[in-house]
Protein backbone atom coordinates (compact mmCIF):
# COMPACT_ATOMS: atom_id res chain seq x y z
CA MET A 1 80.77 10.12 -3.86
CA THR A 2 79.61 9.03 -0.46
CA GLY A 3 80.11 10.47 2.97
CA SER A 4 78.77 13.48 4.84
CA PRO A 5 80.43 16.81 4.09
CA SER A 6 78.83 18.15 7.25
CA SER A 7 81.84 16.75 9.10
CA ALA A 8 84.22 18.90 7.02
CA PRO A 9 86.57 21.15 8.99
CA SER A 10 84.93 24.31 10.27
CA LYS A 11 87.68 26.47 8.82
CA THR A 12 86.65 28.13 5.59
CA SER A 13 90.09 28.99 4.26
CA ALA A 14 90.03 29.92 0.60
CA THR A 15 92.73 27.30 0.01
CA GLY A 16 90.12 24.58 -0.63
CA LEU A 17 92.07 21.86 -2.48
CA GLU A 18 95.87 21.85 -2.62
CA VAL A 19 97.99 19.35 -4.52
CA GLU A 20 101.69 19.51 -3.73
CA GLY A 21 104.30 17.65 -5.76
CA VAL A 22 102.07 14.66 -6.52
CA SER A 23 103.47 11.89 -8.71
CA VAL A 24 101.78 8.63 -9.69
CA ARG A 25 103.72 5.70 -11.09
CA TYR A 26 102.30 2.52 -12.63
CA GLY A 27 105.18 0.07 -12.58
CA GLY A 28 107.82 1.73 -14.73
CA HIS A 29 105.42 4.31 -16.18
CA LEU A 30 105.30 7.76 -14.62
CA ALA A 31 101.68 8.77 -15.24
CA LEU A 32 101.88 12.01 -13.25
CA ASP A 33 105.10 13.87 -12.57
CA THR A 34 105.29 16.20 -9.54
CA LEU A 35 102.07 18.10 -10.10
CA SER A 36 101.25 21.03 -7.84
CA LEU A 37 98.03 23.01 -8.11
CA ALA A 38 95.40 24.74 -6.03
CA ALA A 39 91.64 24.90 -6.48
CA PRO A 40 90.61 27.53 -3.92
CA LEU A 41 87.10 28.37 -2.87
CA GLY A 42 85.50 31.07 -4.95
CA ARG A 43 87.21 30.12 -8.21
CA ILE A 44 86.87 27.76 -11.17
CA THR A 45 90.29 26.27 -11.86
CA GLY A 46 90.93 24.56 -15.17
CA LEU A 47 93.05 21.45 -15.78
CA ILE A 48 93.67 20.85 -19.48
CA GLY A 49 95.87 18.72 -21.72
CA PRO A 50 95.65 16.21 -24.57
CA ASN A 51 94.37 12.67 -24.12
CA GLY A 52 96.72 10.71 -21.90
CA ALA A 53 98.13 13.85 -20.29
CA GLY A 54 97.27 12.69 -16.76
CA LYS A 55 94.05 14.57 -16.02
CA THR A 56 92.02 11.53 -14.92
CA THR A 57 95.03 10.26 -12.96
CA THR A 58 95.07 13.59 -11.16
CA PHE A 59 91.40 13.28 -10.24
CA ASN A 60 91.89 9.70 -9.05
CA ALA A 61 94.85 10.72 -6.88
CA VAL A 62 92.95 13.68 -5.44
CA THR A 63 89.86 11.62 -4.58
CA GLY A 64 91.82 8.72 -3.11
CA LEU A 65 91.18 6.13 -5.81
CA LEU A 66 94.95 6.11 -6.42
CA ARG A 67 97.73 6.46 -3.87
CA PRO A 68 100.37 8.98 -4.98
CA THR A 69 103.94 7.77 -5.23
CA THR A 70 105.09 11.13 -3.91
CA GLY A 71 103.48 14.36 -2.77
CA THR A 72 100.53 15.42 -0.66
CA VAL A 73 96.84 16.25 -1.13
CA LYS A 74 95.25 18.74 1.25
CA LEU A 75 91.65 19.79 1.84
CA PHE A 76 91.10 23.03 3.74
CA GLY A 77 94.68 22.81 5.00
CA ASP A 78 94.44 19.22 6.26
CA ASP A 79 96.58 16.45 4.77
CA VAL A 80 94.25 13.76 3.32
CA THR A 81 96.87 11.95 1.22
CA HIS A 82 96.43 8.70 3.11
CA THR A 83 92.69 8.87 3.77
CA SER A 84 89.99 6.91 1.95
CA PRO A 85 87.75 8.32 -0.81
CA GLN A 86 84.87 8.23 1.66
CA ALA A 87 86.81 10.22 4.25
CA ARG A 88 87.63 12.86 1.65
CA ALA A 89 83.99 13.08 0.66
CA GLN A 90 83.08 13.54 4.31
CA ARG A 91 85.48 16.47 4.39
CA GLY A 92 83.71 18.11 1.46
CA LEU A 93 85.21 16.73 -1.76
CA GLY A 94 82.74 15.76 -4.52
CA ARG A 95 83.26 14.49 -8.05
CA THR A 96 81.37 13.94 -11.27
CA PHE A 97 82.52 11.49 -13.93
CA GLN A 98 82.89 11.75 -17.69
CA ARG A 99 80.39 8.92 -18.04
CA MET A 100 77.11 9.91 -16.42
CA GLU A 101 75.60 7.50 -13.91
CA LEU A 102 71.95 8.40 -13.39
CA PHE A 103 69.15 6.03 -12.38
CA ASP A 104 66.97 6.14 -15.47
CA SER A 105 63.92 4.65 -13.73
CA LEU A 106 63.87 7.41 -11.11
CA THR A 107 62.65 10.96 -11.45
CA VAL A 108 65.02 13.89 -11.64
CA ARG A 109 64.11 14.87 -8.08
CA ALA A 110 64.84 11.36 -6.79
CA ASN A 111 68.19 11.27 -8.57
CA VAL A 112 69.22 14.61 -7.07
CA ALA A 113 67.98 13.59 -3.62
CA LEU A 114 70.36 10.62 -3.69
CA GLY A 115 73.25 13.07 -3.45
CA ARG A 116 71.98 14.47 -0.17
CA GLU A 117 70.93 11.05 1.16
CA ALA A 118 74.33 9.52 0.40
CA ALA A 119 76.06 12.37 2.18
CA MET A 120 73.90 11.90 5.26
CA ALA A 121 74.32 8.13 5.25
CA GLY A 122 78.09 8.45 5.28
CA SER A 123 79.61 5.14 6.39
CA LYS A 124 76.17 3.81 7.39
CA PRO A 125 74.42 2.90 4.12
CA TRP A 126 71.39 1.46 5.92
CA ARG A 127 70.32 5.03 6.59
CA HIS A 128 69.18 5.07 2.97
CA LEU A 129 66.54 2.53 3.96
CA VAL A 130 65.63 3.98 7.34
CA PRO A 131 66.30 7.74 7.29
CA ALA A 132 67.08 9.33 10.63
CA ARG A 133 64.27 11.38 12.13
CA GLY A 134 64.35 14.93 10.87
CA ASN A 135 66.55 14.17 7.88
CA ARG A 136 63.71 13.98 5.37
CA ALA A 137 63.00 17.69 5.57
CA ARG A 138 66.67 18.51 5.06
CA VAL A 139 66.91 16.16 2.07
CA SER A 140 63.88 17.84 0.52
CA GLU A 141 65.20 21.34 1.16
CA ASP A 142 68.68 20.64 -0.20
CA THR A 143 67.27 18.81 -3.22
CA GLU A 144 64.99 21.67 -4.17
CA ARG A 145 67.79 24.17 -3.72
CA ALA A 146 70.10 22.16 -5.99
CA LEU A 147 67.38 21.86 -8.63
CA GLU A 148 66.88 25.62 -8.49
CA LEU A 149 70.60 26.42 -8.71
CA CYS A 150 70.91 24.25 -11.82
CA GLY A 151 67.76 25.64 -13.40
CA ILE A 152 66.00 22.26 -13.68
CA THR A 153 63.13 22.61 -11.22
CA GLN A 154 60.70 22.21 -14.11
CA LEU A 155 62.18 18.77 -14.83
CA ALA A 156 61.83 17.49 -11.26
CA THR A 157 59.01 15.01 -11.95
CA ARG A 158 60.36 13.65 -15.24
CA GLN A 159 62.11 10.31 -15.46
CA ALA A 160 65.83 10.54 -16.08
CA ALA A 161 65.51 8.20 -19.06
CA ALA A 162 63.47 10.85 -20.90
CA LEU A 163 66.08 13.60 -20.62
CA SER A 164 68.44 14.99 -23.23
CA THR A 165 72.19 14.76 -22.72
CA GLY A 166 72.35 18.38 -21.65
CA GLN A 167 69.58 17.91 -19.10
CA ARG A 168 71.24 14.78 -17.74
CA ARG A 169 74.47 16.71 -17.23
CA LEU A 170 72.58 19.26 -15.15
CA VAL A 171 70.93 16.53 -13.08
CA GLU A 172 74.34 15.04 -12.35
CA LEU A 173 75.64 18.45 -11.32
CA ALA A 174 72.59 19.07 -9.12
CA ARG A 175 73.13 15.74 -7.39
CA VAL A 176 76.67 16.58 -6.36
CA ILE A 177 75.56 20.07 -5.29
CA ALA A 178 72.82 18.56 -3.14
CA GLY A 179 75.52 16.56 -1.37
CA GLY A 180 76.83 19.78 0.15
CA PHE A 181 80.40 19.42 -1.12
CA ARG A 182 82.69 22.47 -0.90
CA VAL A 183 85.18 21.42 -3.59
CA LEU A 184 83.91 19.86 -6.83
CA LEU A 185 85.95 17.92 -9.38
CA LEU A 186 84.12 18.04 -12.71
CA ASP A 187 85.30 15.62 -15.39
CA GLU A 188 84.38 16.73 -18.94
CA PRO A 189 80.97 18.10 -17.87
CA SER A 190 80.20 19.57 -21.31
CA SER A 191 80.72 16.27 -23.14
CA GLY A 192 77.79 15.69 -25.50
CA LEU A 193 76.41 19.22 -25.16
CA ASP A 194 75.79 21.61 -28.03
CA ARG A 195 77.11 25.19 -27.97
CA VAL A 196 73.98 26.66 -26.42
CA GLU A 197 73.86 23.99 -23.70
CA THR A 198 77.58 24.42 -23.04
CA ALA A 199 77.21 28.18 -22.64
CA ARG A 200 74.32 27.68 -20.24
CA PHE A 201 76.31 25.10 -18.28
CA GLY A 202 79.14 27.58 -17.90
CA GLU A 203 76.76 30.24 -16.61
CA ILE A 204 75.43 27.81 -14.02
CA LEU A 205 78.93 26.96 -12.82
CA GLN A 206 79.75 30.64 -12.44
CA GLY A 207 76.49 31.14 -10.57
CA LEU A 208 77.43 28.34 -8.17
CA ILE A 209 80.70 30.03 -7.33
CA ASP A 210 78.82 33.21 -6.46
CA ALA A 211 75.98 31.52 -4.58
CA ARG A 212 77.79 28.78 -2.65
CA ASP A 213 81.41 29.92 -2.23
CA ILE A 214 82.68 26.59 -3.49
CA GLY A 215 85.81 25.67 -5.41
CA ILE A 216 85.73 23.84 -8.76
CA LEU A 217 88.53 21.95 -10.48
CA LEU A 218 87.42 21.50 -14.08
CA VAL A 219 88.78 18.98 -16.58
CA GLU A 220 87.32 20.01 -19.91
CA HIS A 221 88.01 19.58 -23.62
CA ASP A 222 85.88 22.54 -24.75
CA MET A 223 88.40 25.36 -24.82
CA SER A 224 85.72 27.98 -25.38
CA LEU A 225 84.19 27.03 -22.03
CA VAL A 226 87.55 26.83 -20.27
CA MET A 227 88.71 30.22 -21.52
CA LYS A 228 85.46 31.88 -20.54
CA ILE A 229 84.90 30.62 -17.00
CA CYS A 230 88.24 29.58 -15.52
CA GLY A 231 90.04 32.07 -13.33
CA TYR A 232 93.25 30.05 -13.53
CA ILE A 233 94.39 27.14 -15.71
CA HIS A 234 96.95 24.34 -15.33
CA VAL A 235 98.25 22.54 -18.42
CA LEU A 236 99.50 18.94 -18.45
CA ASP A 237 101.38 17.09 -21.19
CA PHE A 238 102.54 13.47 -20.85
CA GLY A 239 101.82 13.61 -17.12
CA LYS A 240 103.99 16.64 -16.53
CA PRO A 241 102.80 20.17 -15.69
CA ILE A 242 104.09 22.45 -18.43
CA PHE A 243 102.30 25.75 -17.83
CA GLU A 244 99.92 27.58 -15.53
CA GLY A 245 98.33 30.98 -15.62
CA THR A 246 95.23 32.97 -16.49
CA ALA A 247 93.18 32.21 -19.58
CA GLU A 248 94.93 35.04 -21.42
CA GLU A 249 98.36 33.79 -20.42
CA VAL A 250 97.49 30.26 -21.53
CA ARG A 251 96.11 31.54 -24.82
CA THR A 252 99.27 33.44 -25.64
CA SER A 253 101.76 30.83 -24.42
CA GLU A 254 103.95 29.46 -27.23
CA LEU A 255 104.65 26.40 -25.09
CA VAL A 256 100.97 25.59 -24.69
CA ARG A 257 100.35 26.13 -28.38
CA ALA A 258 103.12 23.75 -29.35
CA ALA A 259 102.13 21.08 -26.85
CA TYR A 260 98.36 21.14 -27.03
CA LEU A 261 96.17 23.86 -28.47
CA GLY A 262 97.72 24.64 -31.84
CA ASP A 263 98.03 28.17 -33.19
CA GLU A 264 94.72 28.19 -35.03
CA SER A 265 92.59 26.95 -32.14
CA VAL A 266 94.12 29.43 -29.72
CA GLU A 267 93.44 32.35 -32.04
CA GLU A 268 89.86 31.18 -32.60
CA GLU A 269 89.24 31.11 -28.84
CA ALA A 270 90.75 34.57 -28.48
CA GLU A 271 88.51 36.02 -31.17
CA ALA A 272 85.43 34.29 -29.79
CA HIS A 273 85.88 35.78 -26.32
CA ALA A 274 87.82 38.98 -26.86
CA SER A 275 84.79 41.07 -25.94
CA GLU A 276 83.42 38.81 -23.19
CA PRO A 277 84.08 39.36 -19.45
CA ARG A 278 86.35 36.72 -17.98
CA ALA A 279 86.19 34.97 -14.64
CA VAL A 280 88.21 36.47 -11.85
CA GLY A 281 89.68 35.07 -8.69
C-alpha cells in the first residue's frame, strides 16, 4: 500500500483497528453482514472461515477498496470509513495479498526498500525518482531493520526470482514492515509454505508484536498456525460472524465445528498444541 504512515495520529491507543457493524452488499447479495471486530496493537487477531465466508471482503472494506453499506472502520480511534486506501495507509494501515507481488528482477533489499520509499512518497510518486534530501539514509536504515526482523538479511543481495516460496513470503512481509505501518492485514501469508517454514513464519510474526508494538489481523487457512499465534479469533460463515473467542474457545465451540473446522480437524489441532504456549493479549 502507498502513503506515509509517519502522518498517523500521535495517539498510541491499543485499539488499533476497530470494525463496527460493517456490512457489504453487492446488488442483492449480502457479502458481509454486520461484522464487528478489533485488532488492537500488541496482538495477533485471527479471522477465519471457509471459502466465500467474507474474509477478503472484510479486508477490502477495511482498506478502503470497498465502501461498506453500513458500519464504520476506525484506526486509532479515528473514523476512516469514507477515506481513500491511500489515506488509510498514511494513517498506518498496511496489507499483504494472497498472491505475492514482488519484482523478480530486483534484489531482496531493493524489494524491501520499496516499502519504505512508497511510504515516504505518499501522494507524490515522483519522489521515487528524486528522493528528498536525507531520505536515503532513512530508507536504508528501515530496510535493514525489516530484513533483520524477518531473518532474511543473508538474502539481501539475491534476486527475488531465485527465492523459494517461503523466502518470498518473508520478503513481502519485510516490505510492509519497512513501510512503518502500525496495523497489518495479512492475507493467507503461509500459503505455499511447508510446516517448517510455516512454524518459522509464526515465530517471526510473534517477534514483530514484541519488537514493534503493532497489531496484526490475520486471514489464514492453516489452523495449526492460527491456533498457535492468535490471541483472539473471529469466525465468519456466509458473510456473517458466528463466533469469537480465544483459540481454546474456538477449538471447543460446537458451532465452529459444525460450520467450519469439523470435529476431527479441531481435535488434531488441540493435540498438536496442547503442550505449546499460546499467544496472549
